[in-house]
Protein backbone atom coordinates (compact mmCIF):
# COMPACT_ATOMS: atom_id res chain seq x y z
CA MET A 1 67.79 97.17 -51.16
CA ASN A 2 68.95 97.57 -54.55
CA THR A 3 67.32 94.56 -57.06
CA PRO A 4 70.02 92.82 -57.42
CA ALA A 5 70.71 92.30 -54.23
CA LYS A 6 66.67 90.94 -54.03
CA LEU A 7 67.21 88.64 -56.75
CA VAL A 8 70.16 87.11 -55.03
CA VAL A 9 68.14 87.01 -51.64
CA TYR A 10 65.16 85.12 -53.70
CA VAL A 11 66.82 82.67 -55.56
CA SER A 12 68.45 81.54 -51.97
CA SER A 13 65.25 81.09 -50.51
CA LEU A 14 64.02 79.27 -53.43
CA ALA A 15 67.04 76.89 -53.06
CA VAL A 16 66.29 76.46 -49.26
CA VAL A 17 62.60 75.34 -50.29
CA PHE A 18 63.61 73.33 -52.55
CA GLY A 19 65.97 71.26 -50.36
CA ALA A 20 63.55 71.28 -47.67
CA ALA A 21 61.22 69.58 -50.15
CA LEU A 22 63.65 67.02 -51.56
CA GLY A 23 64.28 65.92 -48.01
CA VAL A 24 60.50 65.25 -47.59
CA GLY A 25 60.15 63.42 -50.65
CA SER A 26 63.41 61.22 -49.81
CA ALA A 27 61.69 60.75 -46.41
CA VAL A 28 58.31 60.06 -47.96
CA GLY A 29 59.35 57.70 -50.44
CA GLU A 30 58.31 57.96 -54.10
CA VAL A 31 54.78 59.33 -55.19
CA GLY A 32 52.70 56.55 -56.44
CA THR A 33 54.74 53.66 -55.23
CA PRO A 34 52.41 50.75 -53.95
CA PRO A 35 52.24 50.66 -49.77
CA LYS A 36 53.75 47.25 -48.82
CA ALA A 37 50.53 46.69 -46.90
CA SER A 38 48.84 46.08 -50.48
CA THR A 39 51.23 43.53 -51.24
CA HIS A 40 49.56 40.65 -49.94
CA THR A 41 50.14 36.57 -50.62
CA GLY A 42 47.49 34.90 -52.72
CA THR A 43 45.25 34.28 -50.12
CA GLY A 44 45.36 37.79 -48.23
CA ALA A 45 44.19 38.84 -51.86
CA HIS A 46 40.81 36.75 -51.24
CA THR A 47 40.84 37.27 -47.37
CA GLY A 48 42.14 41.24 -47.10
CA SER A 49 39.89 42.78 -49.83
CA THR A 50 37.97 44.48 -47.19
CA THR A 51 42.09 45.72 -45.80
CA ASP A 52 42.47 46.57 -49.41
CA THR A 53 39.65 48.63 -50.22
CA GLY A 54 39.98 50.29 -46.97
CA SER A 55 43.58 51.51 -47.68
CA THR A 56 42.03 52.77 -50.82
CA THR A 57 39.66 54.99 -49.20
CA ASP A 58 41.83 56.58 -46.78
CA THR A 59 44.47 57.54 -49.54
CA GLY A 60 41.66 58.80 -51.75
CA SER A 61 44.49 57.78 -54.65
CA THR A 62 43.59 56.03 -57.96
CA THR A 63 47.36 54.74 -58.09
CA ASP A 64 46.79 53.08 -54.56
CA THR A 65 43.23 51.49 -56.13
CA GLU A 66 44.84 50.27 -59.02
CA ALA A 67 47.83 49.32 -56.99
CA THR A 68 44.90 46.97 -54.89
CA THR A 69 43.30 45.75 -57.89
CA HIS A 70 46.63 44.48 -59.19
CA ALA A 71 47.60 42.78 -56.08
CA VAL A 72 44.22 40.54 -56.23
CA GLY A 73 44.89 39.81 -59.54
CA THR A 74 48.23 39.24 -59.81
CA ALA A 75 48.43 35.92 -57.69
CA ASP A 76 50.84 33.26 -60.26
CA PRO A 77 48.68 32.82 -63.47
CA THR A 78 50.46 29.17 -62.85
CA ALA A 79 49.63 28.34 -59.60
CA ARG A 80 46.91 26.83 -58.40
CA PRO A 81 45.17 28.26 -55.24
CA GLU A 82 43.93 25.84 -52.43
CA THR A 83 40.35 27.18 -53.51
CA ALA A 84 40.46 27.05 -57.16
CA GLY A 85 41.98 23.20 -56.41
CA HIS A 86 39.35 22.22 -54.89
CA GLY A 87 36.42 24.23 -56.28
CA GLU A 88 37.58 23.14 -59.88
CA SER A 89 40.13 21.00 -60.38
CA THR A 90 40.33 18.28 -57.56
CA GLY A 91 36.60 18.85 -56.54
CA HIS A 92 34.89 18.98 -59.87
CA GLY A 93 37.16 16.65 -61.24
CA GLU A 94 36.96 13.58 -58.59
CA SER A 95 33.57 14.53 -58.88
CA ALA A 96 32.98 14.13 -62.43
CA GLY A 97 35.17 10.79 -61.75
CA HIS A 98 33.17 9.33 -59.15
CA THR A 99 29.62 10.27 -60.81
CA ASP A 100 30.77 8.85 -64.19
CA SER A 101 32.08 5.48 -62.40
CA ALA A 102 28.35 5.20 -60.72
CA GLU A 103 26.28 5.89 -63.76
CA ALA A 104 28.53 3.40 -65.72
CA THR A 105 28.01 1.18 -63.05
CA LYS A 106 23.96 1.89 -62.66
CA THR A 107 23.72 1.33 -66.72
CA ALA A 108 25.79 -2.24 -66.27
CA THR A 109 23.18 -2.86 -63.20
CA THR A 110 20.63 -2.09 -64.94
CA SER A 111 21.49 -4.28 -67.92
CA GLN A 112 22.03 -7.06 -65.91
CA ASP A 113 18.62 -6.60 -64.01
CA THR A 114 16.62 -6.40 -67.23
CA PRO A 115 14.95 -9.82 -68.06
CA GLY A 116 15.23 -11.03 -71.69
CA GLY A 117 13.04 -10.44 -74.43
CA LEU A 118 12.37 -6.69 -73.83
CA GLN A 119 15.15 -5.33 -75.87
CA VAL A 120 15.60 -5.19 -79.60
CA SER A 121 19.23 -4.32 -79.25
CA GLU A 122 21.58 -5.35 -76.54
CA ASN A 123 25.27 -5.07 -75.85
CA GLY A 124 25.98 -4.07 -79.53
CA TYR A 125 23.81 -6.65 -81.39
CA THR A 126 20.70 -6.00 -82.62
CA PHE A 127 17.72 -8.28 -84.21
CA THR A 128 16.46 -7.07 -87.37
CA PRO A 129 13.63 -8.48 -89.17
CA ALA A 130 13.40 -8.07 -93.08
CA THR A 131 9.66 -7.16 -92.24
CA ASN A 132 7.40 -6.63 -89.22
CA THR A 133 4.17 -6.80 -91.29
CA LEU A 134 2.73 -10.13 -92.34
CA LYS A 135 -0.82 -10.99 -93.34
CA ALA A 136 -2.80 -12.70 -90.77
CA GLY A 137 -3.11 -16.54 -91.75
CA GLN A 138 -1.00 -16.65 -94.49
CA PRO A 139 2.35 -18.56 -94.70
CA THR A 140 5.25 -16.46 -95.24
CA ASP A 141 9.06 -17.13 -95.52
CA PHE A 142 10.41 -14.89 -92.75
CA SER A 143 13.81 -13.30 -92.70
CA PHE A 144 15.97 -11.94 -90.26
CA THR A 145 19.37 -11.17 -89.15
CA VAL A 146 21.31 -10.22 -86.04
CA THR A 147 23.67 -7.35 -86.34
CA GLY A 148 26.79 -7.49 -84.59
CA PRO A 149 28.59 -4.34 -82.81
CA ASP A 150 30.44 -3.87 -86.00
CA GLY A 151 27.05 -3.14 -87.63
CA ARG A 152 27.59 -6.55 -89.83
CA PRO A 153 25.25 -9.51 -90.14
CA VAL A 154 26.59 -12.30 -87.16
CA THR A 155 27.64 -15.53 -88.57
CA GLY A 156 28.90 -17.37 -85.78
CA TYR A 157 26.96 -18.94 -83.11
CA GLU A 158 27.15 -21.53 -80.28
CA VAL A 159 24.83 -24.21 -80.50
CA GLN A 160 22.20 -24.02 -77.57
CA HIS A 161 19.86 -27.39 -76.78
CA GLU A 162 20.81 -28.55 -80.61
CA LYS A 163 20.32 -25.22 -82.19
CA LYS A 164 21.68 -22.10 -83.09
CA VAL A 165 18.90 -20.24 -82.60
CA HIS A 166 15.70 -20.80 -80.91
CA PHE A 167 12.94 -18.65 -82.51
CA ILE A 168 9.69 -17.74 -80.14
CA VAL A 169 6.72 -15.94 -81.61
CA VAL A 170 3.38 -15.28 -79.09
CA SER A 171 0.49 -13.07 -79.42
CA ARG A 172 0.97 -10.04 -77.48
CA ASP A 173 -2.28 -11.19 -75.26
CA LEU A 174 -0.45 -14.40 -74.44
CA ASN A 175 -2.83 -17.14 -76.26
CA THR A 176 -0.96 -18.29 -78.86
CA PHE A 177 2.49 -19.76 -78.87
CA GLN A 178 5.18 -20.92 -81.56
CA HIS A 179 8.75 -22.25 -81.01
CA LEU A 180 10.34 -22.44 -84.41
CA HIS A 181 13.84 -23.18 -85.65
CA PRO A 182 15.16 -21.06 -88.58
CA GLU A 183 17.32 -22.34 -91.28
CA GLU A 184 20.65 -20.67 -91.77
CA GLY A 185 21.37 -18.89 -95.23
CA ALA A 186 23.97 -16.82 -96.76
CA ASN A 187 25.63 -13.76 -94.87
CA GLY A 188 23.78 -14.27 -91.65
CA VAL A 189 20.65 -14.15 -92.96
CA TRP A 190 18.22 -16.92 -91.39
CA THR A 191 14.58 -17.81 -92.78
CA VAL A 192 11.47 -19.65 -91.06
CA LYS A 193 7.89 -20.47 -92.31
CA LEU A 194 5.74 -18.12 -90.32
CA THR A 195 2.01 -17.92 -89.66
CA LEU A 196 0.65 -15.49 -87.67
CA PRO A 197 -2.87 -16.91 -87.53
CA GLU A 198 -5.07 -14.02 -86.74
CA ALA A 199 -4.86 -9.73 -87.24
CA GLY A 200 -3.33 -8.32 -84.09
CA VAL A 201 0.24 -7.78 -82.31
CA TYR A 202 2.95 -10.40 -81.83
CA ARG A 203 6.23 -10.63 -80.04
CA ALA A 204 9.16 -12.44 -81.94
CA TYR A 205 12.16 -13.41 -79.75
CA ALA A 206 15.39 -14.54 -81.05
CA ASP A 207 17.38 -17.13 -78.38
CA ILE A 208 21.14 -17.08 -79.36
CA LEU A 209 24.33 -17.03 -78.02
CA PRO A 210 26.75 -15.08 -80.45
CA THR A 211 30.27 -16.59 -80.67
CA GLY A 212 32.39 -14.80 -78.37
CA ALA A 213 29.50 -12.72 -76.90
CA SER A 214 27.30 -13.59 -73.70
CA ALA A 215 23.28 -15.59 -74.21
CA MET A 216 20.87 -13.36 -75.19
CA THR A 217 17.39 -13.04 -76.09
CA LEU A 218 16.17 -9.89 -78.24
CA GLY A 219 12.98 -9.28 -79.08
CA ALA A 220 10.61 -7.53 -81.69
CA ASP A 221 7.08 -6.51 -82.51
CA LEU A 222 5.42 -8.29 -85.43
CA PHE A 223 1.98 -6.92 -87.03
CA ALA A 224 -0.48 -8.62 -88.91
CA ALA A 225 -3.18 -6.13 -90.48
CA GLY A 226 -6.79 -6.39 -89.65
CA ASP A 227 -9.50 -6.54 -87.46
CA TYR A 228 -7.93 -7.52 -83.91
CA ALA A 229 -9.91 -7.93 -80.69
CA PRO A 230 -7.80 -8.90 -77.88
CA LYS A 231 -8.65 -12.17 -76.03
CA PRO A 232 -8.14 -11.55 -72.28
CA LEU A 233 -5.55 -13.78 -70.38
CA PRO A 234 -6.53 -17.46 -69.78
CA ALA A 235 -7.39 -18.16 -65.95
CA VAL A 236 -5.10 -19.85 -63.64
CA SER A 237 -4.83 -23.06 -64.01
CA ARG A 238 -2.88 -26.22 -62.99
CA THR A 239 -3.33 -28.50 -65.64
CA ALA A 240 -3.39 -28.05 -69.42
CA GLU A 241 -5.37 -29.93 -71.94
CA VAL A 242 -3.64 -30.91 -75.21
CA ASP A 243 -4.12 -32.97 -78.01
CA GLY A 244 -5.90 -35.72 -75.32
CA TYR A 245 -3.08 -35.42 -72.92
CA THR A 246 -3.57 -33.78 -69.36
CA VAL A 247 -0.19 -31.80 -68.19
CA THR A 248 -0.17 -30.82 -64.43
CA LEU A 249 1.71 -28.17 -63.07
CA ASP A 250 3.33 -28.71 -59.51
CA GLY A 251 5.17 -26.05 -57.74
CA ASP A 252 5.58 -22.11 -57.23
CA LEU A 253 7.50 -19.34 -58.79
CA VAL A 254 8.70 -16.65 -56.08
CA PRO A 255 10.36 -13.50 -56.96
CA GLY A 256 14.31 -13.80 -56.43
CA GLN A 257 14.28 -16.98 -55.66
CA ALA A 258 14.79 -20.53 -57.67
CA GLY A 259 11.47 -21.94 -57.99
CA LYS A 260 11.40 -25.80 -58.50
CA LEU A 261 8.37 -26.78 -61.02
CA THR A 262 7.45 -30.08 -61.68
CA LEU A 263 5.18 -31.60 -64.56
CA THR A 264 3.91 -34.80 -65.11
CA VAL A 265 2.04 -35.86 -68.40
CA ALA A 266 -1.02 -38.39 -68.43
CA LYS A 267 -3.29 -40.13 -71.26
CA ASP A 268 -6.49 -41.27 -70.86
CA GLY A 269 -5.64 -41.10 -66.95
CA LYS A 270 -2.61 -43.19 -67.23
CA PRO A 271 0.54 -41.41 -66.57
CA VAL A 272 3.10 -41.42 -70.07
CA THR A 273 6.50 -42.62 -68.57
CA ASP A 274 7.67 -42.62 -72.52
CA VAL A 275 8.07 -39.12 -72.82
CA GLN A 276 10.58 -38.70 -75.62
CA PRO A 277 13.90 -36.29 -75.75
CA TYR A 278 13.46 -33.00 -77.32
CA LEU A 279 16.33 -30.40 -77.94
CA GLY A 280 18.64 -32.45 -75.82
CA ALA A 281 15.95 -32.82 -72.70
CA LEU A 282 12.78 -33.76 -71.62
CA GLY A 283 11.16 -30.92 -72.15
CA HIS A 284 11.64 -27.28 -72.93
CA LEU A 285 10.01 -24.91 -70.83
CA VAL A 286 9.41 -20.70 -71.20
CA ALA A 287 7.93 -17.96 -69.23
CA LEU A 288 6.36 -15.35 -69.86
CA ARG A 289 5.18 -12.21 -68.10
CA ALA A 290 2.31 -10.54 -68.86
CA GLY A 291 2.02 -6.88 -69.57
CA ASP A 292 5.39 -6.57 -70.93
CA LEU A 293 6.46 -10.18 -72.40
CA ALA A 294 9.61 -10.38 -70.41
CA TYR A 295 11.24 -13.76 -71.49
CA LEU A 296 12.35 -16.78 -68.81
CA HIS A 297 13.56 -19.31 -70.69
CA VAL A 298 14.47 -22.43 -68.43
CA HIS A 299 15.33 -26.49 -68.87
CA PRO A 300 15.04 -29.52 -66.56
CA GLU A 301 17.06 -31.98 -64.76
CA LYS A 302 18.43 -34.58 -66.23
CA ASP A 303 16.17 -37.26 -67.09
CA SER A 304 12.68 -35.25 -65.79
CA LEU A 305 10.20 -32.90 -66.30
CA THR A 306 11.80 -30.90 -63.51
CA PHE A 307 12.25 -27.15 -63.78
CA TYR A 308 14.05 -24.48 -61.64
CA ALA A 309 13.04 -21.06 -62.56
CA GLU A 310 13.54 -17.03 -60.95
CA VAL A 311 11.00 -15.07 -62.13
CA PRO A 312 11.99 -10.97 -61.65
CA SER A 313 8.82 -10.12 -60.03
CA ARG A 314 5.50 -10.66 -58.85
CA GLY A 315 2.51 -10.61 -61.50
CA ASP A 316 1.21 -13.09 -63.88
CA TYR A 317 3.28 -15.29 -66.05
CA ARG A 318 2.43 -17.61 -68.95
CA LEU A 319 4.32 -21.00 -69.06
CA PHE A 320 4.41 -22.89 -72.32
CA LEU A 321 5.82 -26.16 -72.12
CA ASP A 322 7.05 -28.28 -75.03
CA PHE A 323 7.24 -32.12 -74.56
CA LYS A 324 7.07 -34.95 -77.24
CA HIS A 325 5.59 -38.14 -77.46
CA GLN A 326 5.09 -40.61 -80.31
CA ASP A 327 7.14 -38.28 -82.69
CA LYS A 328 5.17 -35.48 -82.37
CA VAL A 329 5.86 -32.34 -80.37
CA ARG A 330 2.81 -30.33 -78.15
CA THR A 331 3.00 -27.52 -76.41
CA ALA A 332 0.91 -27.20 -72.83
CA ALA A 333 0.09 -23.84 -71.64
CA PHE A 334 -0.66 -22.65 -68.01
CA THR A 335 -1.28 -19.39 -66.08
CA VAL A 336 0.30 -18.76 -63.07
CA LYS A 337 0.23 -16.11 -60.23
CA VAL A 338 3.38 -15.08 -58.99
CA GLY A 339 3.27 -13.70 -55.40
CA ASP A 340 5.15 -12.84 -52.48
CA ALA A 341 3.61 -15.66 -50.32
CA THR A 342 5.29 -19.24 -49.62
CA ALA A 343 4.56 -22.04 -51.94
CA THR A 344 0.77 -23.02 -52.06
CA SER A 345 1.41 -26.18 -53.93
CA THR A 346 2.85 -29.54 -52.77
CA THR A 347 6.15 -28.80 -54.01
CA ALA A 348 7.92 -25.95 -52.20
CA PRO A 349 10.74 -23.33 -54.07
CA THR A 350 13.86 -25.12 -53.44
CA THR A 351 17.45 -24.41 -54.29
CA PRO A 352 18.50 -25.88 -57.92
CA PRO A 353 21.11 -28.98 -57.30
CA THR A 354 24.69 -28.26 -58.34
CA ALA A 355 24.90 -31.18 -60.72
CA GLU A 356 22.45 -31.28 -63.36
CA PRO A 357 20.90 -27.71 -64.10
CA ALA A 358 23.00 -25.57 -65.72
CA GLU A 359 24.50 -22.05 -64.65
CA PRO A 360 21.95 -19.43 -65.88
CA ASP A 361 23.53 -17.17 -68.41
CA GLY A 362 21.88 -13.78 -67.39
CA HIS A 363 18.86 -13.40 -68.66
CA GLY A 364 16.92 -16.25 -66.24
CA HIS A 365 18.01 -19.00 -68.72
CA SER A 366 19.38 -21.90 -67.65
CA HIS A 367 20.90 -24.71 -69.95
C-alpha cells in the first residue's frame, strides 16, 4: 500500500476512535460533574457526611472531595437549621432569658429578705456621713446626707412618728444606745449633736421614708479612736432598771412569726399608769440582732406598751424601749434569746390585730 493510502486508512481509524470516545463521554456525562448523590439537603449534609466521604474515597477524585465539602457548606446561610435553632438561637436565647429572669427574681427576693440597717445603700439611696471618725467623749455636730438614685441629696421625706428622720447610734458591743432626731438644713443636709461616749466602733442608722420611695433603714459604721476594750453582751434578763424605774418584759419572739411583747413600767414598787405619749405612741422599741446588728423597728398598739415584732432568725437580740414619764424620755434595755421553742413566758406569740398596729414596711418596721 502506498503512502497516501496509508494516511487515509490512519485518519479513518482516528475518526472511528474519536467517535467512539464521544459516544462514551455522552453516556457518562461531563467529567468533574458532582454526582447527584452528594447533593444532600442540609439535614443530609449533617447526618450523611460519612456517605459523602465514602463516595469521595471510592472515586479518589479531588473534584468529588470538593463537591462533598461544598454540599455540606452550602446549606442556605440565611436558613436556621433545626439544630442551630435549638442550640444557638432558641435554646440559648430562651435559656439566657430564663436565667436573667431567675437572677433578677433572686436578687429582688434577697433584697426583700435582708433586714434593715445592714446596708449603707438600698434601692439607689445612700447614707453619706460627712465624717465617720469622731473624738470619744466630745460632743460633735455630726452631719450627713442621703443621696438618691440621681446622685443628689434627697430633700423630700415623709413624716414617720412625728419625725422625718430617726437617727439611731449604738456601740457594736450593744452596750450603748442613742435615739436622736437631727435638724434639717439646706440642700438635704441633716445635723445632730452626737457624742460617742468611749473609744470603739459604733453603728449609725438613718430610719427614713423618702418621698416616692419605700421606708428603709440605712446603716454605716462610725469610729472613735483610742484604747478599745469591747464589753460582753449583757446577760439575758426580763427586767431593766433605769433612773429608779423597773421595766418588765413579757412575751417571746419566734423567727418568722409575729411575737407579742408587753412591757410594764413600775416605780418604787408601784405601777406607772401615766406614761406619756412619745413620737405619737406610748413607747418606741428598737430590736438589734447581736453579731451583725440587723435592725428591727416596732411600735406599740394604741394606748398601750404592747408591741408586735417579727425577728428574722434565731440568736441573741438587744431590745431598747424608749418611754416618757414626767416629761423625760428614758431607755430600758433588755437582752433576749430567740430560739425555735414555743413561748416560755406568760404571753405567747400572737397574730397582731388588724385594727391598730400599722402594716410592716418591708424591714420589719411596724407603724
